[in-house]
Amino acid sequence: MTSWQQSLYFLKLKRTMTKALDFTKIIKKYKGKWIALTEDEKKVISSGKSAKETLEKAKKEGLENPILFKVPISVLPYIGGNSLVK
């Protein structure tokens, strides 16, 4: 692979990589609820106690295929590895 092909590859790779989103405010506001997010995951369209309720509300707002996400009640840090590796 030539250097310009490598540069092109890394540019394409950079475009496909997404930036990590900060859900801190969402977790505080919607703790324990289901939420419907826009495709870019930047805006909450609806929320509810169940996925079905949340989806119905999102459809009323005009979003046919939202991203549904159950917001955890608490966020715990994860430090670990694969327990299957011996």
N, C-alpha and C. Protein backbone atom coordinates (compact mmCIF):
# COMPACT_ATOMS: atom_id res chain seq x y z
N MET A 1 0.86 -1.17 0.00
CA MET A 1 0.00 0.00 0.00
C MET A 1 0.91 1.24 0.00
N THR A 2 0.64 2.14 -0.91
CA THR A 2 1.45 3.36 -0.99
C THR A 2 1.04 4.33 0.12
N SER A 3 1.86 5.35 0.33
CA SER A 3 1.57 6.31 1.41
C SER A 3 0.28 7.08 1.17
N TRP A 4 -0.02 7.42 -0.10
CA TRP A 4 -1.28 8.14 -0.35
C TRP A 4 -2.48 7.23 -0.13
N GLN A 5 -2.33 5.92 -0.43
CA GLN A 5 -3.42 4.98 -0.17
C GLN A 5 -3.64 4.82 1.34
N GLN A 6 -2.54 4.82 2.10
CA GLN A 6 -2.66 4.75 3.55
C GLN A 6 -3.36 5.99 4.08
N SER A 7 -2.99 7.15 3.56
CA SER A 7 -3.62 8.40 4.00
C SER A 7 -5.11 8.39 3.70
N LEU A 8 -5.47 7.92 2.50
CA LEU A 8 -6.88 7.84 2.12
C LEU A 8 -7.62 6.87 3.03
N TYR A 9 -6.99 5.73 3.33
CA TYR A 9 -7.60 4.74 4.22
C TYR A 9 -7.87 5.35 5.59
N PHE A 10 -6.90 6.06 6.15
CA PHE A 10 -7.08 6.65 7.48
C PHE A 10 -8.11 7.77 7.48
N LEU A 11 -8.22 8.51 6.38
CA LEU A 11 -9.27 9.54 6.28
C LEU A 11 -10.64 8.89 6.29
N LYS A 12 -10.79 7.80 5.52
CA LYS A 12 -12.07 7.08 5.50
C LYS A 12 -12.38 6.51 6.87
N LEU A 13 -11.36 5.94 7.52
CA LEU A 13 -11.54 5.37 8.85
C LEU A 13 -11.95 6.44 9.85
N LYS A 14 -11.33 7.60 9.77
CA LYS A 14 -11.64 8.70 10.69
C LYS A 14 -13.10 9.14 10.54
N ARG A 15 -13.59 9.16 9.30
CA ARG A 15 -14.99 9.56 9.06
C ARG A 15 -15.98 8.57 9.65
N THR A 16 -15.61 7.28 9.66
CA THR A 16 -16.53 6.26 10.15
C THR A 16 -16.51 6.13 11.66
N MET A 17 -15.45 6.62 12.30
CA MET A 17 -15.38 6.53 13.76
C MET A 17 -16.27 7.60 14.37
N THR A 18 -17.02 7.23 15.38
CA THR A 18 -17.90 8.20 16.02
C THR A 18 -17.28 8.70 17.31
N LYS A 19 -17.62 9.90 17.64
CA LYS A 19 -17.14 10.51 18.87
C LYS A 19 -17.99 9.99 20.04
N ALA A 20 -17.37 9.72 21.14
CA ALA A 20 -18.10 9.24 22.32
C ALA A 20 -19.07 10.33 22.79
N LEU A 21 -20.27 9.92 23.12
CA LEU A 21 -21.29 10.87 23.57
C LEU A 21 -21.38 10.87 25.08
N ASP A 22 -21.59 12.02 25.65
CA ASP A 22 -21.74 12.15 27.10
C ASP A 22 -23.22 12.04 27.45
N PHE A 23 -23.58 10.95 28.09
CA PHE A 23 -24.98 10.71 28.48
C PHE A 23 -25.25 11.09 29.92
N THR A 24 -24.37 11.84 30.55
CA THR A 24 -24.51 12.19 31.97
C THR A 24 -25.85 12.86 32.26
N LYS A 25 -26.21 13.86 31.48
CA LYS A 25 -27.47 14.58 31.71
C LYS A 25 -28.67 13.69 31.44
N ILE A 26 -28.58 12.86 30.42
CA ILE A 26 -29.67 11.93 30.09
C ILE A 26 -29.87 10.95 31.23
N ILE A 27 -28.79 10.41 31.77
CA ILE A 27 -28.89 9.44 32.86
C ILE A 27 -29.54 10.09 34.09
N LYS A 28 -29.14 11.31 34.40
CA LYS A 28 -29.73 11.99 35.57
C LYS A 28 -31.21 12.26 35.38
N LYS A 29 -31.60 12.69 34.17
CA LYS A 29 -32.99 13.08 33.92
C LYS A 29 -33.94 11.89 33.73
N TYR A 30 -33.45 10.82 33.06
CA TYR A 30 -34.33 9.71 32.68
C TYR A 30 -33.98 8.40 33.40
N LYS A 31 -33.37 8.47 34.54
CA LYS A 31 -32.93 7.29 35.29
C LYS A 31 -34.05 6.24 35.41
N GLY A 32 -33.77 5.02 34.93
CA GLY A 32 -34.71 3.92 35.05
C GLY A 32 -35.81 3.89 34.00
N LYS A 33 -35.82 4.84 33.06
CA LYS A 33 -36.86 4.91 32.03
C LYS A 33 -36.31 4.46 30.68
N TRP A 34 -37.23 4.22 29.77
CA TRP A 34 -36.89 3.98 28.37
C TRP A 34 -36.88 5.32 27.67
N ILE A 35 -35.93 5.51 26.75
CA ILE A 35 -35.91 6.73 25.95
C ILE A 35 -35.78 6.37 24.47
N ALA A 36 -36.30 7.26 23.63
CA ALA A 36 -36.16 7.13 22.18
C ALA A 36 -35.25 8.25 21.72
N LEU A 37 -34.18 7.88 21.03
CA LEU A 37 -33.20 8.84 20.55
C LEU A 37 -33.27 8.98 19.04
N THR A 38 -32.88 10.16 18.54
CA THR A 38 -32.75 10.36 17.11
C THR A 38 -31.61 9.49 16.60
N GLU A 39 -31.53 9.36 15.28
CA GLU A 39 -30.51 8.50 14.67
C GLU A 39 -29.09 8.91 15.04
N ASP A 40 -28.86 10.20 15.22
CA ASP A 40 -27.52 10.67 15.58
C ASP A 40 -27.25 10.58 17.09
N GLU A 41 -28.24 10.10 17.84
CA GLU A 41 -28.16 9.88 19.29
C GLU A 41 -27.93 11.17 20.08
N LYS A 42 -28.31 12.31 19.52
CA LYS A 42 -28.07 13.58 20.19
C LYS A 42 -29.31 14.17 20.84
N LYS A 43 -30.50 13.66 20.51
CA LYS A 43 -31.72 14.25 21.03
C LYS A 43 -32.69 13.16 21.50
N VAL A 44 -33.24 13.37 22.69
CA VAL A 44 -34.26 12.47 23.22
C VAL A 44 -35.61 12.93 22.67
N ILE A 45 -36.30 12.03 21.98
CA ILE A 45 -37.60 12.34 21.39
C ILE A 45 -38.73 12.06 22.36
N SER A 46 -38.63 10.95 23.08
CA SER A 46 -39.68 10.59 24.03
C SER A 46 -39.10 9.69 25.12
N SER A 47 -39.88 9.53 26.17
CA SER A 47 -39.48 8.64 27.26
C SER A 47 -40.73 8.00 27.85
N GLY A 48 -40.53 6.89 28.55
CA GLY A 48 -41.66 6.22 29.17
C GLY A 48 -41.21 5.08 30.07
N LYS A 49 -42.20 4.45 30.70
CA LYS A 49 -41.91 3.34 31.60
C LYS A 49 -41.64 2.04 30.85
N SER A 50 -42.13 1.94 29.60
CA SER A 50 -41.91 0.73 28.81
C SER A 50 -41.41 1.10 27.42
N ALA A 51 -40.80 0.14 26.76
CA ALA A 51 -40.30 0.36 25.41
C ALA A 51 -41.47 0.63 24.46
N LYS A 52 -42.57 -0.08 24.65
CA LYS A 52 -43.75 0.08 23.79
C LYS A 52 -44.31 1.50 23.90
N GLU A 53 -44.48 1.97 25.12
CA GLU A 53 -44.99 3.33 25.35
C GLU A 53 -44.07 4.38 24.72
N THR A 54 -42.76 4.20 24.90
CA THR A 54 -41.77 5.14 24.37
C THR A 54 -41.78 5.15 22.85
N LEU A 55 -41.89 3.98 22.25
CA LEU A 55 -41.94 3.87 20.79
C LEU A 55 -43.20 4.54 20.23
N GLU A 56 -44.33 4.31 20.87
CA GLU A 56 -45.58 4.94 20.42
C GLU A 56 -45.49 6.47 20.47
N LYS A 57 -44.91 6.98 21.54
CA LYS A 57 -44.74 8.44 21.67
C LYS A 57 -43.81 8.98 20.58
N ALA A 58 -42.74 8.25 20.30
CA ALA A 58 -41.78 8.68 19.28
C ALA A 58 -42.44 8.71 17.90
N LYS A 59 -43.26 7.70 17.62
CA LYS A 59 -43.96 7.66 16.33
C LYS A 59 -44.92 8.82 16.19
N LYS A 60 -45.57 9.23 17.29
CA LYS A 60 -46.45 10.39 17.25
C LYS A 60 -45.68 11.67 16.95
N GLU A 61 -44.39 11.67 17.33
CA GLU A 61 -43.52 12.82 17.06
C GLU A 61 -42.92 12.77 15.65
N GLY A 62 -43.25 11.69 14.91
CA GLY A 62 -42.79 11.57 13.53
C GLY A 62 -41.53 10.77 13.31
N LEU A 63 -41.05 10.12 14.33
CA LEU A 63 -39.83 9.31 14.19
C LEU A 63 -40.24 7.84 14.14
N GLU A 64 -40.12 7.24 12.95
CA GLU A 64 -40.58 5.86 12.75
C GLU A 64 -39.67 4.80 13.38
N ASN A 65 -38.37 4.99 13.29
CA ASN A 65 -37.42 3.98 13.78
C ASN A 65 -36.40 4.61 14.71
N PRO A 66 -36.83 5.00 15.91
CA PRO A 66 -35.88 5.61 16.84
C PRO A 66 -34.97 4.56 17.47
N ILE A 67 -33.92 5.02 18.09
CA ILE A 67 -33.06 4.15 18.87
C ILE A 67 -33.65 4.10 20.27
N LEU A 68 -34.04 2.92 20.72
CA LEU A 68 -34.60 2.77 22.06
C LEU A 68 -33.49 2.34 23.01
N PHE A 69 -33.51 2.94 24.19
CA PHE A 69 -32.44 2.70 25.15
C PHE A 69 -33.03 2.73 26.56
N LYS A 70 -32.74 1.70 27.34
CA LYS A 70 -33.17 1.65 28.74
C LYS A 70 -32.07 2.31 29.57
N VAL A 71 -32.40 3.44 30.18
CA VAL A 71 -31.42 4.19 30.97
C VAL A 71 -31.23 3.47 32.30
N PRO A 72 -30.01 3.15 32.66
CA PRO A 72 -29.77 2.44 33.92
C PRO A 72 -30.11 3.30 35.14
N ILE A 73 -30.44 2.65 36.22
CA ILE A 73 -30.73 3.35 37.47
C ILE A 73 -29.44 3.89 38.07
N SER A 74 -28.38 3.12 37.94
CA SER A 74 -27.07 3.58 38.41
C SER A 74 -26.01 3.16 37.40
N VAL A 75 -24.95 3.91 37.36
CA VAL A 75 -23.85 3.60 36.45
C VAL A 75 -22.66 3.16 37.29
N LEU A 76 -22.21 1.95 37.02
CA LEU A 76 -21.09 1.38 37.76
C LEU A 76 -19.88 1.28 36.85
N PRO A 77 -18.72 1.58 37.36
CA PRO A 77 -17.51 1.44 36.54
C PRO A 77 -17.24 -0.03 36.26
N TYR A 78 -16.66 -0.30 35.10
CA TYR A 78 -16.32 -1.67 34.73
C TYR A 78 -14.81 -1.78 34.56
N ILE A 79 -14.24 -2.66 35.33
CA ILE A 79 -12.82 -2.97 35.18
C ILE A 79 -12.73 -4.48 35.15
N GLY A 80 -12.23 -5.00 34.09
CA GLY A 80 -12.17 -6.44 34.03
C GLY A 80 -11.74 -6.93 32.68
N GLY A 81 -11.92 -8.20 32.50
CA GLY A 81 -11.53 -8.81 31.24
C GLY A 81 -12.48 -9.93 30.93
N ASN A 82 -12.03 -10.81 30.10
CA ASN A 82 -12.83 -11.92 29.66
C ASN A 82 -12.62 -13.09 30.62
N SER A 83 -13.66 -13.52 31.26
CA SER A 83 -13.55 -14.62 32.23
C SER A 83 -13.37 -15.98 31.53
N LEU A 84 -13.57 -16.01 30.19
CA LEU A 84 -13.42 -17.26 29.46
C LEU A 84 -11.95 -17.55 29.13
N VAL A 85 -11.10 -16.54 29.22
CA VAL A 85 -9.69 -16.74 28.93
C VAL A 85 -9.00 -17.39 30.11
N LYS A 86 -8.26 -18.44 29.87
CA LYS A 86 -7.58 -19.14 30.97
C LYS A 86 -6.11 -19.01 30.86
